[in-house]
Amino acid sequence: MITLKFHFSSPFNEVTKIINTQMNFDKELTLNELFEFLFDKYGEKFNDLLWDKKNKENFSSFLSLIINGRAYRDENFVNTVLKDGDDISFLYIYFGG
């Protein structure tokens, strides 16, 4: 079993109704498997925050995913294997003036 720590910034925490939590999983999993789990748990609104609205095969340009203090955005990052104790932050980057 592994334990993952999560930090959900706005607007993710508006969907999850929590900011910080820990979740246990039976085994190590990839980011893609985690995204599927979170979709099942939090629904379409959470999924909409992850993916580009025009092209559902690309991640939202507003999404910043931080794992253990490192930002992930390369083309194969969905295959990253998560391990016990990993700290995952879902951040949404807003621009404006």
PDB file of N, CA and C in Angstrom:
ATOM      1  N   MET A   1       0.841  -1.173   0.000  1.00  0.00           N
ATOM      2  CA  MET A   1       0.000   0.000   0.000  1.00  0.00           C
ATOM      3  C   MET A   1       0.889   1.240   0.000  1.00  0.00           C
ATOM      4  N   ILE A   2       0.425   2.293  -0.703  1.00  0.00           N
ATOM      5  CA  ILE A   2       1.151   3.563  -0.700  1.00  0.00           C
ATOM      6  C   ILE A   2       0.198   4.682  -0.254  1.00  0.00           C
ATOM      7  N   THR A   3       0.798   5.714   0.307  1.00  0.00           N
ATOM      8  CA  THR A   3       0.049   6.902   0.708  1.00  0.00           C
ATOM      9  C   THR A   3       0.560   8.074  -0.098  1.00  0.00           C
ATOM     10  N   LEU A   4      -0.361   8.820  -0.708  1.00  0.00           N
ATOM     11  CA  LEU A   4      -0.028  10.021  -1.457  1.00  0.00           C
ATOM     12  C   LEU A   4      -0.640  11.219  -0.757  1.00  0.00           C
ATOM     13  N   LYS A   5       0.116  12.328  -0.734  1.00  0.00           N
ATOM     14  CA  LYS A   5      -0.374  13.574  -0.142  1.00  0.00           C
ATOM     15  C   LYS A   5      -0.807  14.502  -1.273  1.00  0.00           C
ATOM     16  N   PHE A   6      -1.931  15.186  -1.074  1.00  0.00           N
ATOM     17  CA  PHE A   6      -2.474  16.071  -2.099  1.00  0.00           C
ATOM     18  C   PHE A   6      -2.705  17.466  -1.549  1.00  0.00           C
ATOM     19  N   HIS A   7      -2.462  18.442  -2.415  1.00  0.00           N
ATOM     20  CA  HIS A   7      -2.759  19.849  -2.142  1.00  0.00           C
ATOM     21  C   HIS A   7      -3.563  20.353  -3.344  1.00  0.00           C
ATOM     22  N   PHE A   8      -4.778  20.792  -3.083  1.00  0.00           N
ATOM     23  CA  PHE A   8      -5.652  21.282  -4.139  1.00  0.00           C
ATOM     24  C   PHE A   8      -5.841  22.783  -3.971  1.00  0.00           C
ATOM     25  N   SER A   9      -5.262  23.567  -4.886  1.00  0.00           N
ATOM     26  CA  SER A   9      -5.476  25.013  -4.854  1.00  0.00           C
ATOM     27  C   SER A   9      -6.774  25.319  -5.603  1.00  0.00           C
ATOM     28  N   SER A  10      -7.184  26.560  -5.537  1.00  0.00           N
ATOM     29  CA  SER A  10      -8.379  26.988  -6.252  1.00  0.00           C
ATOM     30  C   SER A  10      -8.093  26.930  -7.757  1.00  0.00           C
ATOM     31  N   PRO A  11      -8.960  26.485  -8.585  1.00  0.00           N
ATOM     32  CA  PRO A  11     -10.342  26.093  -8.358  1.00  0.00           C
ATOM     33  C   PRO A  11     -10.535  24.615  -8.051  1.00  0.00           C
ATOM     34  N   PHE A  12      -9.438  23.840  -7.967  1.00  0.00           N
ATOM     35  CA  PHE A  12      -9.565  22.413  -7.665  1.00  0.00           C
ATOM     36  C   PHE A  12     -10.249  22.179  -6.322  1.00  0.00           C
ATOM     37  N   ASN A  13      -9.889  22.994  -5.321  1.00  0.00           N
ATOM     38  CA  ASN A  13     -10.484  22.781  -4.004  1.00  0.00           C
ATOM     39  C   ASN A  13     -11.969  23.126  -3.980  1.00  0.00           C
ATOM     40  N   GLU A  14     -12.442  23.891  -4.942  1.00  0.00           N
ATOM     41  CA  GLU A  14     -13.877  24.159  -5.041  1.00  0.00           C
ATOM     42  C   GLU A  14     -14.623  22.898  -5.487  1.00  0.00           C
ATOM     43  N   VAL A  15     -13.947  22.044  -6.241  1.00  0.00           N
ATOM     44  CA  VAL A  15     -14.535  20.779  -6.693  1.00  0.00           C
ATOM     45  C   VAL A  15     -14.354  19.695  -5.632  1.00  0.00           C
ATOM     46  N   THR A  16     -13.152  19.617  -5.048  1.00  0.00           N
ATOM     47  CA  THR A  16     -12.865  18.549  -4.081  1.00  0.00           C
ATOM     48  C   THR A  16     -13.424  18.843  -2.691  1.00  0.00           C
ATOM     49  N   LYS A  17     -13.662  20.132  -2.398  1.00  0.00           N
ATOM     50  CA  LYS A  17     -14.129  20.598  -1.079  1.00  0.00           C
ATOM     51  C   LYS A  17     -13.083  20.410   0.014  1.00  0.00           C
ATOM     52  N   ILE A  18     -11.826  20.187  -0.391  1.00  0.00           N
ATOM     53  CA  ILE A  18     -10.707  20.073   0.544  1.00  0.00           C
ATOM     54  C   ILE A  18      -9.480  20.743  -0.066  1.00  0.00           C
ATOM     55  N   ILE A  19      -8.569  21.156   0.798  1.00  0.00           N
ATOM     56  CA  ILE A  19      -7.319  21.748   0.325  1.00  0.00           C
ATOM     57  C   ILE A  19      -6.185  20.736   0.439  1.00  0.00           C
ATOM     58  N   ASN A  20      -6.056  20.086   1.589  1.00  0.00           N
ATOM     59  CA  ASN A  20      -4.996  19.108   1.831  1.00  0.00           C
ATOM     60  C   ASN A  20      -5.607  17.793   2.285  1.00  0.00           C
ATOM     61  N   THR A  21      -5.072  16.699   1.760  1.00  0.00           N
ATOM     62  CA  THR A  21      -5.546  15.380   2.173  1.00  0.00           C
ATOM     63  C   THR A  21      -4.490  14.331   1.847  1.00  0.00           C
ATOM     64  N   GLN A  22      -4.684  13.159   2.390  1.00  0.00           N
ATOM     65  CA  GLN A  22      -3.872  11.993   2.056  1.00  0.00           C
ATOM     66  C   GLN A  22      -4.816  10.897   1.593  1.00  0.00           C
ATOM     67  N   MET A  23      -4.351  10.105   0.626  1.00  0.00           N
ATOM     68  CA  MET A  23      -5.138   8.975   0.137  1.00  0.00           C
ATOM     69  C   MET A  23      -4.236   7.760   0.054  1.00  0.00           C
ATOM     70  N   ASN A  24      -4.809   6.613   0.375  1.00  0.00           N
ATOM     71  CA  ASN A  24      -4.088   5.347   0.304  1.00  0.00           C
ATOM     72  C   ASN A  24      -4.497   4.583  -0.939  1.00  0.00           C
ATOM     73  N   PHE A  25      -3.526   3.922  -1.552  1.00  0.00           N
ATOM     74  CA  PHE A  25      -3.752   3.106  -2.735  1.00  0.00           C
ATOM     75  C   PHE A  25      -3.091   1.749  -2.525  1.00  0.00           C
ATOM     76  N   ASP A  26      -3.633   0.732  -3.170  1.00  0.00           N
ATOM     77  CA  ASP A  26      -3.127  -0.630  -2.996  1.00  0.00           C
ATOM     78  C   ASP A  26      -1.730  -0.827  -3.564  1.00  0.00           C
ATOM     79  N   LYS A  27      -1.379  -0.011  -4.581  1.00  0.00           N
ATOM     80  CA  LYS A  27      -0.091  -0.196  -5.256  1.00  0.00           C
ATOM     81  C   LYS A  27       0.370   1.132  -5.842  1.00  0.00           C
ATOM     82  N   GLU A  28       1.616   1.159  -6.305  1.00  0.00           N
ATOM     83  CA  GLU A  28       2.085   2.323  -7.040  1.00  0.00           C
ATOM     84  C   GLU A  28       1.219   2.477  -8.278  1.00  0.00           C
ATOM     85  N   LEU A  29       1.021   3.730  -8.700  1.00  0.00           N
ATOM     86  CA  LEU A  29       0.229   3.970  -9.890  1.00  0.00           C
ATOM     87  C   LEU A  29       0.833   5.111 -10.686  1.00  0.00           C
ATOM     88  N   THR A  30       0.463   5.167 -11.957  1.00  0.00           N
ATOM     89  CA  THR A  30       0.944   6.242 -12.817  1.00  0.00           C
ATOM     90  C   THR A  30       0.047   7.467 -12.633  1.00  0.00           C
ATOM     91  N   LEU A  31       0.534   8.606 -13.111  1.00  0.00           N
ATOM     92  CA  LEU A  31      -0.293   9.805 -13.075  1.00  0.00           C
ATOM     93  C   LEU A  31      -1.585   9.589 -13.857  1.00  0.00           C
ATOM     94  N   ASN A  32      -1.508   8.907 -14.972  1.00  0.00           N
ATOM     95  CA  ASN A  32      -2.705   8.653 -15.762  1.00  0.00           C
ATOM     96  C   ASN A  32      -3.731   7.858 -14.948  1.00  0.00           C
ATOM     97  N   GLU A  33      -3.276   6.838 -14.229  1.00  0.00           N
ATOM     98  CA  GLU A  33      -4.179   6.061 -13.373  1.00  0.00           C
ATOM     99  C   GLU A  33      -4.742   6.926 -12.253  1.00  0.00           C
ATOM    100  N   LEU A  34      -3.917   7.826 -11.719  1.00  0.00           N
ATOM    101  CA  LEU A  34      -4.396   8.749 -10.688  1.00  0.00           C
ATOM    102  C   LEU A  34      -5.471   9.666 -11.255  1.00  0.00           C
ATOM    103  N   PHE A  35      -5.247  10.207 -12.446  1.00  0.00           N
ATOM    104  CA  PHE A  35      -6.243  11.082 -13.065  1.00  0.00           C
ATOM    105  C   PHE A  35      -7.573  10.355 -13.252  1.00  0.00           C
ATOM    106  N   GLU A  36      -7.521   9.085 -13.647  1.00  0.00           N
ATOM    107  CA  GLU A  36      -8.753   8.301 -13.797  1.00  0.00           C
ATOM    108  C   GLU A  36      -9.448   8.136 -12.448  1.00  0.00           C
ATOM    109  N   PHE A  37      -8.679   7.851 -11.400  1.00  0.00           N
ATOM    110  CA  PHE A  37      -9.236   7.725 -10.054  1.00  0.00           C
ATOM    111  C   PHE A  37      -9.898   9.024  -9.613  1.00  0.00           C
ATOM    112  N   LEU A  38      -9.205  10.153  -9.815  1.00  0.00           N
ATOM    113  CA  LEU A  38      -9.742  11.453  -9.401  1.00  0.00           C
ATOM    114  C   LEU A  38     -10.983  11.830 -10.208  1.00  0.00           C
ATOM    115  N   PHE A  39     -11.032  11.460 -11.475  1.00  0.00           N
ATOM    116  CA  PHE A  39     -12.227  11.678 -12.275  1.00  0.00           C
ATOM    117  C   PHE A  39     -13.404  10.904 -11.685  1.00  0.00           C
ATOM    118  N   ASP A  40     -13.161   9.633 -11.335  1.00  0.00           N
ATOM    119  CA  ASP A  40     -14.222   8.816 -10.733  1.00  0.00           C
ATOM    120  C   ASP A  40     -14.677   9.388  -9.395  1.00  0.00           C
ATOM    121  N   LYS A  41     -13.737   9.921  -8.626  1.00  0.00           N
ATOM    122  CA  LYS A  41     -14.040  10.436  -7.290  1.00  0.00           C
ATOM    123  C   LYS A  41     -14.714  11.807  -7.332  1.00  0.00           C
ATOM    124  N   TYR A  42     -14.214  12.710  -8.200  1.00  0.00           N
ATOM    125  CA  TYR A  42     -14.681  14.095  -8.183  1.00  0.00           C
ATOM    126  C   TYR A  42     -15.505  14.510  -9.410  1.00  0.00           C
ATOM    127  N   GLY A  43     -15.538  13.678 -10.430  1.00  0.00           N
ATOM    128  CA  GLY A  43     -16.425  13.930 -11.550  1.00  0.00           C
ATOM    129  C   GLY A  43     -15.880  14.815 -12.658  1.00  0.00           C
ATOM    130  N   GLU A  44     -16.792  15.155 -13.536  1.00  0.00           N
ATOM    131  CA  GLU A  44     -16.473  15.882 -14.762  1.00  0.00           C
ATOM    132  C   GLU A  44     -15.871  17.261 -14.511  1.00  0.00           C
ATOM    133  N   LYS A  45     -16.306  17.956 -13.467  1.00  0.00           N
ATOM    134  CA  LYS A  45     -15.769  19.298 -13.188  1.00  0.00           C
ATOM    135  C   LYS A  45     -14.269  19.237 -12.902  1.00  0.00           C
ATOM    136  N   PHE A  46     -13.825  18.228 -12.165  1.00  0.00           N
ATOM    137  CA  PHE A  46     -12.397  18.064 -11.898  1.00  0.00           C
ATOM    138  C   PHE A  46     -11.667  17.773 -13.204  1.00  0.00           C
ATOM    139  N   ASN A  47     -12.222  16.881 -13.987  1.00  0.00           N
ATOM    140  CA  ASN A  47     -11.625  16.508 -15.267  1.00  0.00           C
ATOM    141  C   ASN A  47     -11.498  17.714 -16.190  1.00  0.00           C
ATOM    142  N   ASP A  48     -12.515  18.576 -16.195  1.00  0.00           N
ATOM    143  CA  ASP A  48     -12.487  19.770 -17.036  1.00  0.00           C
ATOM    144  C   ASP A  48     -11.342  20.707 -16.676  1.00  0.00           C
ATOM    145  N   LEU A  49     -10.919  20.696 -15.411  1.00  0.00           N
ATOM    146  CA  LEU A  49      -9.798  21.538 -14.990  1.00  0.00           C
ATOM    147  C   LEU A  49      -8.461  20.990 -15.479  1.00  0.00           C
ATOM    148  N   LEU A  50      -8.395  19.688 -15.715  1.00  0.00           N
ATOM    149  CA  LEU A  50      -7.148  19.056 -16.163  1.00  0.00           C
ATOM    150  C   LEU A  50      -6.884  19.247 -17.652  1.00  0.00           C
ATOM    151  N   TRP A  51      -7.937  19.171 -18.451  1.00  0.00           N
ATOM    152  CA  TRP A  51      -7.762  19.073 -19.897  1.00  0.00           C
ATOM    153  C   TRP A  51      -8.110  20.366 -20.611  1.00  0.00           C
ATOM    154  N   ASP A  52      -7.455  20.597 -21.726  1.00  0.00           N
ATOM    155  CA  ASP A  52      -7.732  21.738 -22.597  1.00  0.00           C
ATOM    156  C   ASP A  52      -9.174  21.637 -23.097  1.00  0.00           C
ATOM    157  N   LYS A  53      -9.876  22.720 -23.065  1.00  0.00           N
ATOM    158  CA  LYS A  53     -11.299  22.699 -23.433  1.00  0.00           C
ATOM    159  C   LYS A  53     -11.512  22.422 -24.922  1.00  0.00           C
ATOM    160  N   LYS A  54     -10.555  22.801 -25.768  1.00  0.00           N
ATOM    161  CA  LYS A  54     -10.693  22.599 -27.211  1.00  0.00           C
ATOM    162  C   LYS A  54     -10.125  21.260 -27.672  1.00  0.00           C
ATOM    163  N   ASN A  55      -9.135  20.743 -26.959  1.00  0.00           N
ATOM    164  CA  ASN A  55      -8.493  19.489 -27.345  1.00  0.00           C
ATOM    165  C   ASN A  55      -8.296  18.644 -26.092  1.00  0.00           C
ATOM    166  N   LYS A  56      -9.194  17.710 -25.861  1.00  0.00           N
ATOM    167  CA  LYS A  56      -9.187  16.903 -24.639  1.00  0.00           C
ATOM    168  C   LYS A  56      -7.988  15.959 -24.539  1.00  0.00           C
ATOM    169  N   GLU A  57      -7.125  15.955 -25.554  1.00  0.00           N
ATOM    170  CA  GLU A  57      -5.913  15.135 -25.477  1.00  0.00           C
ATOM    171  C   GLU A  57      -4.747  15.907 -24.884  1.00  0.00           C
ATOM    172  N   ASN A  58      -4.896  17.222 -24.713  1.00  0.00           N
ATOM    173  CA  ASN A  58      -3.850  18.074 -24.153  1.00  0.00           C
ATOM    174  C   ASN A  58      -4.279  18.606 -22.796  1.00  0.00           C
ATOM    175  N   PHE A  59      -3.302  18.747 -21.914  1.00  0.00           N
ATOM    176  CA  PHE A  59      -3.606  19.318 -20.607  1.00  0.00           C
ATOM    177  C   PHE A  59      -3.845  20.814 -20.726  1.00  0.00           C
ATOM    178  N   SER A  60      -4.642  21.321 -19.828  1.00  0.00           N
ATOM    179  CA  SER A  60      -4.922  22.748 -19.787  1.00  0.00           C
ATOM    180  C   SER A  60      -3.621  23.526 -19.639  1.00  0.00           C
ATOM    181  N   SER A  61      -3.512  24.612 -20.364  1.00  0.00           N
ATOM    182  CA  SER A  61      -2.316  25.453 -20.251  1.00  0.00           C
ATOM    183  C   SER A  61      -2.273  26.159 -18.896  1.00  0.00           C
ATOM    184  N   PHE A  62      -3.383  26.160 -18.167  1.00  0.00           N
ATOM    185  CA  PHE A  62      -3.433  26.776 -16.838  1.00  0.00           C
ATOM    186  C   PHE A  62      -2.964  25.822 -15.737  1.00  0.00           C
ATOM    187  N   LEU A  63      -2.880  24.521 -16.040  1.00  0.00           N
ATOM    188  CA  LEU A  63      -2.540  23.511 -15.037  1.00  0.00           C
ATOM    189  C   LEU A  63      -1.042  23.468 -14.765  1.00  0.00           C
ATOM    190  N   SER A  64      -0.703  23.493 -13.489  1.00  0.00           N
ATOM    191  CA  SER A  64       0.663  23.237 -13.063  1.00  0.00           C
ATOM    192  C   SER A  64       0.598  22.115 -12.044  1.00  0.00           C
ATOM    193  N   LEU A  65       1.218  21.000 -12.368  1.00  0.00           N
ATOM    194  CA  LEU A  65       1.226  19.846 -11.486  1.00  0.00           C
ATOM    195  C   LEU A  65       2.613  19.733 -10.865  1.00  0.00           C
ATOM    196  N   ILE A  66       2.665  19.788  -9.543  1.00  0.00           N
ATOM    197  CA  ILE A  66       3.934  19.756  -8.814  1.00  0.00           C
ATOM    198  C   ILE A  66       4.001  18.456  -8.018  1.00  0.00           C
ATOM    199  N   ILE A  67       5.053  17.676  -8.245  1.00  0.00           N
ATOM    200  CA  ILE A  67       5.253  16.438  -7.499  1.00  0.00           C
ATOM    201  C   ILE A  67       6.579  16.544  -6.770  1.00  0.00           C
ATOM    202  N   ASN A  68       6.497  16.493  -5.453  1.00  0.00           N
ATOM    203  CA  ASN A  68       7.689  16.603  -4.594  1.00  0.00           C
ATOM    204  C   ASN A  68       8.520  17.833  -4.942  1.00  0.00           C
ATOM    205  N   GLY A  69       7.827  18.947  -5.211  1.00  0.00           N
ATOM    206  CA  GLY A  69       8.500  20.211  -5.473  1.00  0.00           C
ATOM    207  C   GLY A  69       8.970  20.412  -6.898  1.00  0.00           C
ATOM    208  N   ARG A  70       8.685  19.459  -7.792  1.00  0.00           N
ATOM    209  CA  ARG A  70       9.130  19.550  -9.181  1.00  0.00           C
ATOM    210  C   ARG A  70       7.923  19.642 -10.108  1.00  0.00           C
ATOM    211  N   ALA A  71       7.922  20.605 -11.011  1.00  0.00           N
ATOM    212  CA  ALA A  71       6.834  20.771 -11.972  1.00  0.00           C
ATOM    213  C   ALA A  71       6.938  19.717 -13.071  1.00  0.00           C
ATOM    214  N   TYR A  72       5.802  19.184 -13.453  1.00  0.00           N
ATOM    215  CA  TYR A  72       5.739  18.174 -14.504  1.00  0.00           C
ATOM    216  C   TYR A  72       4.911  18.686 -15.666  1.00  0.00           C
ATOM    217  N   ARG A  73       5.505  18.675 -16.879  1.00  0.00           N
ATOM    218  CA  ARG A  73       4.779  19.096 -18.072  1.00  0.00           C
ATOM    219  C   ARG A  73       5.296  18.418 -19.342  1.00  0.00           C
ATOM    220  N   ASP A  74       6.261  17.530 -19.279  1.00  0.00           N
ATOM    221  CA  ASP A  74       6.768  16.953 -20.529  1.00  0.00           C
ATOM    222  C   ASP A  74       5.720  16.027 -21.143  1.00  0.00           C
ATOM    223  N   GLU A  75       5.960  15.602 -22.362  1.00  0.00           N
ATOM    224  CA  GLU A  75       4.954  14.849 -23.107  1.00  0.00           C
ATOM    225  C   GLU A  75       4.644  13.479 -22.510  1.00  0.00           C
ATOM    226  N   ASN A  76       5.548  12.904 -21.736  1.00  0.00           N
ATOM    227  CA  ASN A  76       5.318  11.572 -21.169  1.00  0.00           C
ATOM    228  C   ASN A  76       5.033  11.598 -19.670  1.00  0.00           C
ATOM    229  N   PHE A  77       4.723  12.778 -19.123  1.00  0.00           N
ATOM    230  CA  PHE A  77       4.597  12.841 -17.681  1.00  0.00           C
ATOM    231  C   PHE A  77       3.417  12.042 -17.141  1.00  0.00           C
ATOM    232  N   VAL A  78       2.408  11.747 -17.958  1.00  0.00           N
ATOM    233  CA  VAL A  78       1.280  10.938 -17.476  1.00  0.00           C
ATOM    234  C   VAL A  78       1.709   9.514 -17.147  1.00  0.00           C
ATOM    235  N   ASN A  79       2.888   9.096 -17.634  1.00  0.00           N
ATOM    236  CA  ASN A  79       3.409   7.766 -17.342  1.00  0.00           C
ATOM    237  C   ASN A  79       4.298   7.743 -16.096  1.00  0.00           C
ATOM    238  N   THR A  80       4.466   8.887 -15.442  1.00  0.00           N
ATOM    239  CA  THR A  80       5.256   8.964 -14.216  1.00  0.00           C
ATOM    240  C   THR A  80       4.646   8.060 -13.160  1.00  0.00           C
ATOM    241  N   VAL A  81       5.473   7.205 -12.554  1.00  0.00           N
ATOM    242  CA  VAL A  81       5.002   6.301 -11.511  1.00  0.00           C
ATOM    243  C   VAL A  81       5.090   7.019 -10.173  1.00  0.00           C
ATOM    244  N   LEU A  82       3.976   7.035  -9.454  1.00  0.00           N
ATOM    245  CA  LEU A  82       3.915   7.661  -8.137  1.00  0.00           C
ATOM    246  C   LEU A  82       4.289   6.640  -7.084  1.00  0.00           C
ATOM    247  N   LYS A  83       5.024   7.099  -6.082  1.00  0.00           N
ATOM    248  CA  LYS A  83       5.523   6.203  -5.043  1.00  0.00           C
ATOM    249  C   LYS A  83       5.032   6.655  -3.672  1.00  0.00           C
ATOM    250  N   ASP A  84       5.161   5.768  -2.717  1.00  0.00           N
ATOM    251  CA  ASP A  84       4.724   6.046  -1.352  1.00  0.00           C
ATOM    252  C   ASP A  84       5.333   7.352  -0.843  1.00  0.00           C
ATOM    253  N   GLY A  85       4.474   8.211  -0.299  1.00  0.00           N
ATOM    254  CA  GLY A  85       4.930   9.464   0.280  1.00  0.00           C
ATOM    255  C   GLY A  85       4.999  10.629  -0.687  1.00  0.00           C
ATOM    256  N   ASP A  86       4.733  10.402  -1.974  1.00  0.00           N
ATOM    257  CA  ASP A  86       4.777  11.508  -2.934  1.00  0.00           C
ATOM    258  C   ASP A  86       3.781  12.595  -2.534  1.00  0.00           C
ATOM    259  N   ASP A  87       4.210  13.832  -2.749  1.00  0.00           N
ATOM    260  CA  ASP A  87       3.426  15.018  -2.427  1.00  0.00           C
ATOM    261  C   ASP A  87       3.032  15.679  -3.747  1.00  0.00           C
ATOM    262  N   ILE A  88       1.729  15.740  -4.025  1.00  0.00           N
ATOM    263  CA  ILE A  88       1.230  16.188  -5.323  1.00  0.00           C
ATOM    264  C   ILE A  88       0.369  17.427  -5.139  1.00  0.00           C
ATOM    265  N   SER A  89       0.718  18.493  -5.862  1.00  0.00           N
ATOM    266  CA  SER A  89      -0.050  19.739  -5.800  1.00  0.00           C
ATOM    267  C   SER A  89      -0.661  20.031  -7.155  1.00  0.00           C
ATOM    268  N   PHE A  90      -1.949  20.341  -7.133  1.00  0.00           N
ATOM    269  CA  PHE A  90      -2.664  20.763  -8.325  1.00  0.00           C
ATOM    270  C   PHE A  90      -2.836  22.268  -8.237  1.00  0.00           C
ATOM    271  N   LEU A  91      -2.142  22.982  -9.110  1.00  0.00           N
ATOM    272  CA  LEU A  91      -2.191  24.444  -9.119  1.00  0.00           C
ATOM    273  C   LEU A  91      -2.766  24.918 -10.439  1.00  0.00           C
ATOM    274  N   TYR A  92      -3.502  25.987 -10.370  1.00  0.00           N
ATOM    275  CA  TYR A  92      -4.045  26.611 -11.568  1.00  0.00           C
ATOM    276  C   TYR A  92      -3.405  27.985 -11.663  1.00  0.00           C
ATOM    277  N   ILE A  93      -2.757  28.255 -12.776  1.00  0.00           N
ATOM    278  CA  ILE A  93      -2.041  29.502 -12.951  1.00  0.00           C
ATOM    279  C   ILE A  93      -2.931  30.473 -13.716  1.00  0.00           C
ATOM    280  N   TYR A  94      -3.204  31.583 -13.086  1.00  0.00           N
ATOM    281  CA  TYR A  94      -4.050  32.616 -13.682  1.00  0.00           C
ATOM    282  C   TYR A  94      -3.185  33.778 -14.139  1.00  0.00           C
ATOM    283  N   PHE A  95      -3.573  34.384 -15.224  1.00  0.00           N
ATOM    284  CA  PHE A  95      -2.890  35.575 -15.726  1.00  0.00           C
ATOM    285  C   PHE A  95      -3.919  36.684 -15.799  1.00  0.00           C
ATOM    286  N   GLY A  96      -3.451  37.876 -15.701  1.00  0.00           N
ATOM    287  CA  GLY A  96      -4.384  38.982 -15.816  1.00  0.00           C
ATOM    288  C   GLY A  96      -3.747  40.274 -15.372  1.00  0.00           C
ATOM    289  N   GLY A  97      -4.516  41.312 -15.441  1.00  0.00           N
ATOM    290  CA  GLY A  97      -3.960  42.590 -15.059  1.00  0.00           C
ATOM    291  C   GLY A  97      -4.981  43.464 -14.388  1.00  0.00           C
TER     292      GLY A  97
END
